[in-house]
Amino acid sequence: MNTAATTEATLPQKPLIPIAGFWQGRDYPEMQSLRNHPDFPVFNVVAHGIPSEFSPAASAGSIGTGGIPTKNGLLGTLRLQIEDHQFCFVVNPSDPAIRKCLAAWRAAGRAAIALNLGDKVIALFPKVPRDFGRQLEMAATRKPVSPSQFARYALYFIGTGLLASQATSDVKRYPVLRTATAYLVRTDVISDAMDSVLADIDARGEFAVEPGFTVKRGGVVESC
């Protein structure tokens, strides 16, 4: 797994809804491996629960895709695992930014994920197969999930801890996960939808995931 790194400190406390920023190579002027590809999509995350001495350069790892079926369509998941640490990124395959990202990663044969460990940033470039994410795009074509629907489902699955608690290892050498964190990938489209859902919570103390399925403030989101 190719990596690049910049120095070190303590991590902030894990929030209820961990967010993966949707960045580009140009957002990392200090890292030549990324700034040389200014338009390349990068998931930018705080690596919650990872020890400060963590170094993935020579570690066993994997990257894969999956989905969460709902009555309104499929939520996509992209799973990155390094040793016994797993990062699950929840995406909306109907989002144009995500489709563009998957296409760029397929064309390059690699994904790009920046792990923030305090003051240290590690850029990972795991290899991806030529059909990476194709099944998610096909599902979105058949039944697209609206930004509002996606935001509500994602906040539920991540905020309740359900997604992380059901995570299983993708690396045979590490059958038991030490950490598993689910992140909501926040594109511009999803940001607007999330703001709407969070406004519902502020106003009413709850939000509807779907008709007949309402989640109270204490059950999911208090801050983001």
C-alpha atoms as a PDB file:
ATOM      1  CA  MET A   1       0.000   0.000   0.000  1.00  0.00           C
ATOM      2  CA  ASN A   2       1.608   3.251  -1.111  1.00  0.00           C
ATOM      3  CA  THR A   3       1.790   5.967   1.536  1.00  0.00           C
ATOM      4  CA  ALA A   4       3.108   9.453   2.070  1.00  0.00           C
ATOM      5  CA  ALA A   5       3.353  11.256   5.390  1.00  0.00           C
ATOM      6  CA  THR A   6       3.958  14.605   6.980  1.00  0.00           C
ATOM      7  CA  THR A   7       4.379  14.908  12.256  1.00  0.00           C
ATOM      8  CA  GLU A   8       2.343  13.930  15.406  1.00  0.00           C
ATOM      9  CA  ALA A   9       0.003  14.669  18.405  1.00  0.00           C
ATOM     10  CA  THR A  10      -3.152  13.593  20.182  1.00  0.00           C
ATOM     11  CA  LEU A  11      -6.463  12.937  18.449  1.00  0.00           C
ATOM     12  CA  PRO A  12      -9.731  14.706  19.234  1.00  0.00           C
ATOM     13  CA  GLN A  13     -12.535  12.758  20.840  1.00  0.00           C
ATOM     14  CA  LYS A  14     -14.561  10.720  18.400  1.00  0.00           C
ATOM     15  CA  PRO A  15     -17.795  12.557  17.488  1.00  0.00           C
ATOM     16  CA  LEU A  16     -21.181  10.912  17.240  1.00  0.00           C
ATOM     17  CA  ILE A  17     -21.159  11.314  13.455  1.00  0.00           C
ATOM     18  CA  PRO A  18     -17.583  11.066  12.127  1.00  0.00           C
ATOM     19  CA  ILE A  19     -17.268  12.990   8.869  1.00  0.00           C
ATOM     20  CA  ALA A  20     -15.028  12.217   5.905  1.00  0.00           C
ATOM     21  CA  GLY A  21     -14.254  15.377   3.983  1.00  0.00           C
ATOM     22  CA  PHE A  22     -14.463  15.195   0.204  1.00  0.00           C
ATOM     23  CA  TRP A  23     -11.203  16.915  -0.767  1.00  0.00           C
ATOM     24  CA  GLN A  24      -8.913  17.094  -3.787  1.00  0.00           C
ATOM     25  CA  GLY A  25      -5.169  16.813  -4.261  1.00  0.00           C
ATOM     26  CA  ARG A  26      -4.800  20.595  -4.412  1.00  0.00           C
ATOM     27  CA  ASP A  27      -5.961  20.774  -0.778  1.00  0.00           C
ATOM     28  CA  TYR A  28      -2.646  19.229   0.354  1.00  0.00           C
ATOM     29  CA  PRO A  29       0.027  21.716  -0.805  1.00  0.00           C
ATOM     30  CA  GLU A  30       2.567  20.237   1.617  1.00  0.00           C
ATOM     31  CA  MET A  31       2.278  16.710   0.172  1.00  0.00           C
ATOM     32  CA  GLN A  32       3.844  16.283  -3.261  1.00  0.00           C
ATOM     33  CA  SER A  33       2.143  12.933  -3.820  1.00  0.00           C
ATOM     34  CA  LEU A  34      -1.243  14.707  -3.748  1.00  0.00           C
ATOM     35  CA  ARG A  35      -0.537  18.216  -5.000  1.00  0.00           C
ATOM     36  CA  ASN A  36       0.847  16.744  -8.250  1.00  0.00           C
ATOM     37  CA  HIS A  37      -2.733  15.567  -8.936  1.00  0.00           C
ATOM     38  CA  PRO A  38      -4.786  18.674  -8.059  1.00  0.00           C
ATOM     39  CA  ASP A  39      -8.151  17.349  -9.262  1.00  0.00           C
ATOM     40  CA  PHE A  40      -7.829  13.851  -7.809  1.00  0.00           C
ATOM     41  CA  PRO A  41     -10.547  13.050  -5.189  1.00  0.00           C
ATOM     42  CA  VAL A  42      -9.368  12.360  -1.641  1.00  0.00           C
ATOM     43  CA  PHE A  43     -11.329  11.241   1.412  1.00  0.00           C
ATOM     44  CA  ASN A  44      -9.968  13.238   4.347  1.00  0.00           C
ATOM     45  CA  VAL A  45     -10.600  11.664   7.772  1.00  0.00           C
ATOM     46  CA  VAL A  46      -9.565  11.861  11.401  1.00  0.00           C
ATOM     47  CA  ALA A  47      -8.365   8.361  12.314  1.00  0.00           C
ATOM     48  CA  HIS A  48     -10.289   7.884  15.566  1.00  0.00           C
ATOM     49  CA  GLY A  49      -9.056   5.124  17.841  1.00  0.00           C
ATOM     50  CA  ILE A  50      -5.762   4.625  15.999  1.00  0.00           C
ATOM     51  CA  PRO A  51      -2.614   4.583  18.173  1.00  0.00           C
ATOM     52  CA  SER A  52      -0.220   7.489  17.628  1.00  0.00           C
ATOM     53  CA  GLU A  53       2.616   5.144  16.588  1.00  0.00           C
ATOM     54  CA  PHE A  54       0.472   3.656  13.824  1.00  0.00           C
ATOM     55  CA  SER A  55       2.302   3.345  10.487  1.00  0.00           C
ATOM     56  CA  PRO A  56       0.528   1.606   7.596  1.00  0.00           C
ATOM     57  CA  ALA A  57       3.467   1.646   5.170  1.00  0.00           C
ATOM     58  CA  ALA A  58       4.230  -2.078   5.419  1.00  0.00           C
ATOM     59  CA  SER A  59       0.911  -3.243   6.851  1.00  0.00           C
ATOM     60  CA  ALA A  60      -1.557  -5.778   5.519  1.00  0.00           C
ATOM     61  CA  GLY A  61      -4.634  -4.055   4.148  1.00  0.00           C
ATOM     62  CA  SER A  62      -7.593  -4.170   1.815  1.00  0.00           C
ATOM     63  CA  ILE A  63     -10.201  -1.945   0.227  1.00  0.00           C
ATOM     64  CA  GLY A  64     -13.646  -3.033  -0.900  1.00  0.00           C
ATOM     65  CA  THR A  65     -17.217  -1.953  -1.469  1.00  0.00           C
ATOM     66  CA  GLY A  66     -20.600  -2.943  -0.109  1.00  0.00           C
ATOM     67  CA  GLY A  67     -24.113  -1.671   0.274  1.00  0.00           C
ATOM     68  CA  ILE A  68     -26.896  -1.095   2.777  1.00  0.00           C
ATOM     69  CA  PRO A  69     -30.292  -1.884   1.216  1.00  0.00           C
ATOM     70  CA  THR A  70     -33.221   0.311   2.241  1.00  0.00           C
ATOM     71  CA  LYS A  71     -36.766   0.637   0.965  1.00  0.00           C
ATOM     72  CA  ASN A  72     -35.686   3.814  -0.861  1.00  0.00           C
ATOM     73  CA  GLY A  73     -32.578   2.392  -2.524  1.00  0.00           C
ATOM     74  CA  LEU A  74     -29.000   1.375  -1.767  1.00  0.00           C
ATOM     75  CA  LEU A  75     -26.516   3.255   0.420  1.00  0.00           C
ATOM     76  CA  GLY A  76     -22.953   2.565  -0.648  1.00  0.00           C
ATOM     77  CA  THR A  77     -20.086   1.645   1.654  1.00  0.00           C
ATOM     78  CA  LEU A  78     -16.370   1.773   0.868  1.00  0.00           C
ATOM     79  CA  ARG A  79     -14.291  -0.163   3.397  1.00  0.00           C
ATOM     80  CA  LEU A  80     -10.602   0.447   4.004  1.00  0.00           C
ATOM     81  CA  GLN A  81      -8.857  -1.902   6.412  1.00  0.00           C
ATOM     82  CA  ILE A  82      -5.273  -1.675   7.632  1.00  0.00           C
ATOM     83  CA  GLU A  83      -4.297  -4.559   9.905  1.00  0.00           C
ATOM     84  CA  ASP A  84      -7.123  -4.711  12.474  1.00  0.00           C
ATOM     85  CA  HIS A  85      -8.375  -1.144  11.933  1.00  0.00           C
ATOM     86  CA  GLN A  86     -11.337  -0.621   9.601  1.00  0.00           C
ATOM     87  CA  PHE A  87     -12.731   2.587   8.141  1.00  0.00           C
ATOM     88  CA  CYS A  88     -16.180   2.398   6.548  1.00  0.00           C
ATOM     89  CA  PHE A  89     -17.175   5.317   4.328  1.00  0.00           C
ATOM     90  CA  VAL A  90     -20.903   5.711   3.690  1.00  0.00           C
ATOM     91  CA  VAL A  91     -21.588   7.280   0.288  1.00  0.00           C
ATOM     92  CA  ASN A  92     -24.557   8.017  -1.923  1.00  0.00           C
ATOM     93  CA  PRO A  93     -23.869   6.397  -5.315  1.00  0.00           C
ATOM     94  CA  SER A  94     -26.450   8.771  -6.826  1.00  0.00           C
ATOM     95  CA  ASP A  95     -24.324  11.788  -5.864  1.00  0.00           C
ATOM     96  CA  PRO A  96     -22.502  13.136  -8.982  1.00  0.00           C
ATOM     97  CA  ALA A  97     -19.397  13.878  -6.879  1.00  0.00           C
ATOM     98  CA  ILE A  98     -19.205  10.263  -5.687  1.00  0.00           C
ATOM     99  CA  ARG A  99     -19.698   8.905  -9.205  1.00  0.00           C
ATOM    100  CA  LYS A 100     -16.913  11.157 -10.452  1.00  0.00           C
ATOM    101  CA  CYS A 101     -14.713  10.028  -7.561  1.00  0.00           C
ATOM    102  CA  LEU A 102     -15.234   6.333  -8.272  1.00  0.00           C
ATOM    103  CA  ALA A 103     -14.524   6.870 -11.968  1.00  0.00           C
ATOM    104  CA  ALA A 104     -11.287   8.741 -11.179  1.00  0.00           C
ATOM    105  CA  TRP A 105     -10.126   6.043  -8.775  1.00  0.00           C
ATOM    106  CA  ARG A 106     -10.881   3.305 -11.316  1.00  0.00           C
ATOM    107  CA  ALA A 107      -8.988   5.170 -14.040  1.00  0.00           C
ATOM    108  CA  ALA A 108      -5.954   5.594 -11.775  1.00  0.00           C
ATOM    109  CA  GLY A 109      -6.186   2.082 -10.353  1.00  0.00           C
ATOM    110  CA  ARG A 110      -5.892   3.581  -6.876  1.00  0.00           C
ATOM    111  CA  ALA A 111      -7.992   5.345  -4.272  1.00  0.00           C
ATOM    112  CA  ALA A 112      -6.698   8.250  -2.183  1.00  0.00           C
ATOM    113  CA  ILE A 113      -7.419   8.559   1.539  1.00  0.00           C
ATOM    114  CA  ALA A 114      -5.748  10.988   3.933  1.00  0.00           C
ATOM    115  CA  LEU A 115      -5.640   9.803   7.547  1.00  0.00           C
ATOM    116  CA  ASN A 116      -5.191  12.569  10.106  1.00  0.00           C
ATOM    117  CA  LEU A 117      -3.398  11.373  13.235  1.00  0.00           C
ATOM    118  CA  GLY A 118      -3.106  14.536  15.278  1.00  0.00           C
ATOM    119  CA  ASP A 119      -0.536  16.727  13.511  1.00  0.00           C
ATOM    120  CA  LYS A 120       0.505  13.862  11.258  1.00  0.00           C
ATOM    121  CA  VAL A 121      -1.211  13.235   7.923  1.00  0.00           C
ATOM    122  CA  ILE A 122      -0.711   9.912   6.160  1.00  0.00           C
ATOM    123  CA  ALA A 123      -1.808   9.689   2.545  1.00  0.00           C
ATOM    124  CA  LEU A 124      -2.805   6.189   1.459  1.00  0.00           C
ATOM    125  CA  PHE A 125      -3.149   5.046  -2.139  1.00  0.00           C
ATOM    126  CA  PRO A 126      -4.626   1.517  -2.026  1.00  0.00           C
ATOM    127  CA  LYS A 127      -5.005  -0.310  -5.318  1.00  0.00           C
ATOM    128  CA  VAL A 128      -8.565  -0.740  -6.584  1.00  0.00           C
ATOM    129  CA  PRO A 129      -9.880  -3.160  -9.226  1.00  0.00           C
ATOM    130  CA  ARG A 130     -11.073  -1.982 -12.642  1.00  0.00           C
ATOM    131  CA  ASP A 131     -14.710  -2.525 -11.669  1.00  0.00           C
ATOM    132  CA  PHE A 132     -14.409  -0.768  -8.279  1.00  0.00           C
ATOM    133  CA  GLY A 133     -17.812   0.608  -7.287  1.00  0.00           C
ATOM    134  CA  ARG A 134     -19.576  -0.407 -10.498  1.00  0.00           C
ATOM    135  CA  GLN A 135     -22.283  -2.339  -8.660  1.00  0.00           C
ATOM    136  CA  LEU A 136     -23.085   0.730  -6.557  1.00  0.00           C
ATOM    137  CA  GLU A 137     -23.504   2.854  -9.659  1.00  0.00           C
ATOM    138  CA  MET A 138     -25.765   0.244 -11.240  1.00  0.00           C
ATOM    139  CA  ALA A 139     -27.953   0.179  -8.125  1.00  0.00           C
ATOM    140  CA  ALA A 140     -28.162   3.972  -8.160  1.00  0.00           C
ATOM    141  CA  THR A 141     -29.210   3.941 -11.811  1.00  0.00           C
ATOM    142  CA  ARG A 142     -32.012   1.488 -11.064  1.00  0.00           C
ATOM    143  CA  LYS A 143     -33.221   3.257  -7.924  1.00  0.00           C
ATOM    144  CA  PRO A 144     -31.493   6.534  -7.016  1.00  0.00           C
ATOM    145  CA  VAL A 145     -31.502   7.682  -3.401  1.00  0.00           C
ATOM    146  CA  SER A 146     -32.269  11.368  -2.922  1.00  0.00           C
ATOM    147  CA  PRO A 147     -29.811  13.475  -0.881  1.00  0.00           C
ATOM    148  CA  SER A 148     -32.421  13.915   1.870  1.00  0.00           C
ATOM    149  CA  GLN A 149     -33.145  10.191   2.085  1.00  0.00           C
ATOM    150  CA  PHE A 150     -29.439   9.389   2.081  1.00  0.00           C
ATOM    151  CA  ALA A 151     -28.682  11.881   4.864  1.00  0.00           C
ATOM    152  CA  ARG A 152     -31.411  10.472   7.090  1.00  0.00           C
ATOM    153  CA  TYR A 153     -30.426   6.846   6.604  1.00  0.00           C
ATOM    154  CA  ALA A 154     -26.706   7.586   6.961  1.00  0.00           C
ATOM    155  CA  LEU A 155     -27.207   9.569  10.152  1.00  0.00           C
ATOM    156  CA  TYR A 156     -29.220   6.670  11.540  1.00  0.00           C
ATOM    157  CA  PHE A 157     -26.828   3.839  10.639  1.00  0.00           C
ATOM    158  CA  ILE A 158     -23.746   5.775  11.737  1.00  0.00           C
ATOM    159  CA  GLY A 159     -25.182   7.684  14.708  1.00  0.00           C
ATOM    160  CA  THR A 160     -26.677   4.625  16.398  1.00  0.00           C
ATOM    161  CA  GLY A 161     -23.378   2.770  16.057  1.00  0.00           C
ATOM    162  CA  LEU A 162     -25.187   0.026  14.155  1.00  0.00           C
ATOM    163  CA  LEU A 163     -22.868   0.032  11.156  1.00  0.00           C
ATOM    164  CA  ALA A 164     -19.623  -0.003  13.128  1.00  0.00           C
ATOM    165  CA  SER A 165     -20.898  -2.634  15.564  1.00  0.00           C
ATOM    166  CA  GLN A 166     -21.648  -5.054  12.713  1.00  0.00           C
ATOM    167  CA  ALA A 167     -18.276  -4.602  10.987  1.00  0.00           C
ATOM    168  CA  THR A 168     -16.290  -7.753  10.244  1.00  0.00           C
ATOM    169  CA  SER A 169     -12.679  -8.098   9.165  1.00  0.00           C
ATOM    170  CA  ASP A 170     -11.718  -8.209   5.476  1.00  0.00           C
ATOM    171  CA  VAL A 171      -8.117  -9.265   6.204  1.00  0.00           C
ATOM    172  CA  LYS A 172      -7.616 -12.941   7.045  1.00  0.00           C
ATOM    173  CA  ARG A 173      -4.487 -12.280   9.082  1.00  0.00           C
ATOM    174  CA  TYR A 174      -6.601 -10.126  11.430  1.00  0.00           C
ATOM    175  CA  PRO A 175      -9.897 -11.979  12.028  1.00  0.00           C
ATOM    176  CA  VAL A 176     -10.933  -9.646  14.874  1.00  0.00           C
ATOM    177  CA  LEU A 177     -11.130  -5.876  14.444  1.00  0.00           C
ATOM    178  CA  ARG A 178      -9.540  -3.672  17.081  1.00  0.00           C
ATOM    179  CA  THR A 179     -11.314  -0.541  15.821  1.00  0.00           C
ATOM    180  CA  ALA A 180     -14.126   0.078  13.328  1.00  0.00           C
ATOM    181  CA  THR A 181     -15.338   3.568  12.509  1.00  0.00           C
ATOM    182  CA  ALA A 182     -18.097   4.521  10.092  1.00  0.00           C
ATOM    183  CA  TYR A 183     -17.856   7.911   8.382  1.00  0.00           C
ATOM    184  CA  LEU A 184     -20.357   9.950   6.422  1.00  0.00           C
ATOM    185  CA  VAL A 185     -18.693  11.255   3.250  1.00  0.00           C
ATOM    186  CA  ARG A 186     -19.790  14.878   3.104  1.00  0.00           C
ATOM    187  CA  THR A 187     -19.973  16.266  -0.429  1.00  0.00           C
ATOM    188  CA  ASP A 188     -21.553  19.636  -1.237  1.00  0.00           C
ATOM    189  CA  VAL A 189     -24.856  17.949  -2.091  1.00  0.00           C
ATOM    190  CA  ILE A 190     -24.922  15.957   1.130  1.00  0.00           C
ATOM    191  CA  SER A 191     -23.940  18.992   3.207  1.00  0.00           C
ATOM    192  CA  ASP A 192     -27.148  20.774   2.214  1.00  0.00           C
ATOM    193  CA  ALA A 193     -29.263  17.677   2.964  1.00  0.00           C
ATOM    194  CA  MET A 194     -27.580  17.172   6.349  1.00  0.00           C
ATOM    195  CA  ASP A 195     -28.166  20.787   7.288  1.00  0.00           C
ATOM    196  CA  SER A 196     -31.862  20.242   6.639  1.00  0.00           C
ATOM    197  CA  VAL A 197     -32.010  17.112   8.809  1.00  0.00           C
ATOM    198  CA  LEU A 198     -30.050  18.767  11.610  1.00  0.00           C
ATOM    199  CA  ALA A 199     -32.449  21.718  11.461  1.00  0.00           C
ATOM    200  CA  ASP A 200     -35.297  19.233  12.021  1.00  0.00           C
ATOM    201  CA  ILE A 201     -33.499  17.907  15.073  1.00  0.00           C
ATOM    202  CA  ASP A 202     -32.890  21.383  16.458  1.00  0.00           C
ATOM    203  CA  ALA A 203     -36.534  22.335  15.923  1.00  0.00           C
ATOM    204  CA  ARG A 204     -38.291  19.138  16.982  1.00  0.00           C
ATOM    205  CA  GLY A 205     -35.720  16.977  18.748  1.00  0.00           C
ATOM    206  CA  GLU A 206     -36.218  14.167  16.210  1.00  0.00           C
ATOM    207  CA  PHE A 207     -36.141  13.307  12.531  1.00  0.00           C
ATOM    208  CA  ALA A 208     -37.909  10.783  10.313  1.00  0.00           C
ATOM    209  CA  VAL A 209     -35.707   8.168   8.632  1.00  0.00           C
ATOM    210  CA  GLU A 210     -38.715   7.061   6.600  1.00  0.00           C
ATOM    211  CA  PRO A 211     -42.495   7.149   7.170  1.00  0.00           C
ATOM    212  CA  GLY A 212     -43.278   5.496  10.500  1.00  0.00           C
ATOM    213  CA  PHE A 213     -39.615   5.413  11.548  1.00  0.00           C
ATOM    214  CA  THR A 214     -38.614   8.400  13.677  1.00  0.00           C
ATOM    215  CA  VAL A 215     -35.397   8.815  15.638  1.00  0.00           C
ATOM    216  CA  LYS A 216     -35.160  10.990  18.738  1.00  0.00           C
ATOM    217  CA  ARG A 217     -32.289  13.400  19.341  1.00  0.00           C
ATOM    218  CA  GLY A 218     -30.682  11.286  22.070  1.00  0.00           C
ATOM    219  CA  GLY A 219     -30.735   8.226  19.806  1.00  0.00           C
ATOM    220  CA  VAL A 220     -28.596   9.656  17.059  1.00  0.00           C
ATOM    221  CA  VAL A 221     -27.352  13.147  16.489  1.00  0.00           C
ATOM    222  CA  GLU A 222     -26.390  15.824  18.963  1.00  0.00           C
ATOM    223  CA  SER A 223     -23.587  17.419  17.008  1.00  0.00           C
ATOM    224  CA  CYS A 224     -21.718  16.845  13.803  1.00  0.00           C
END
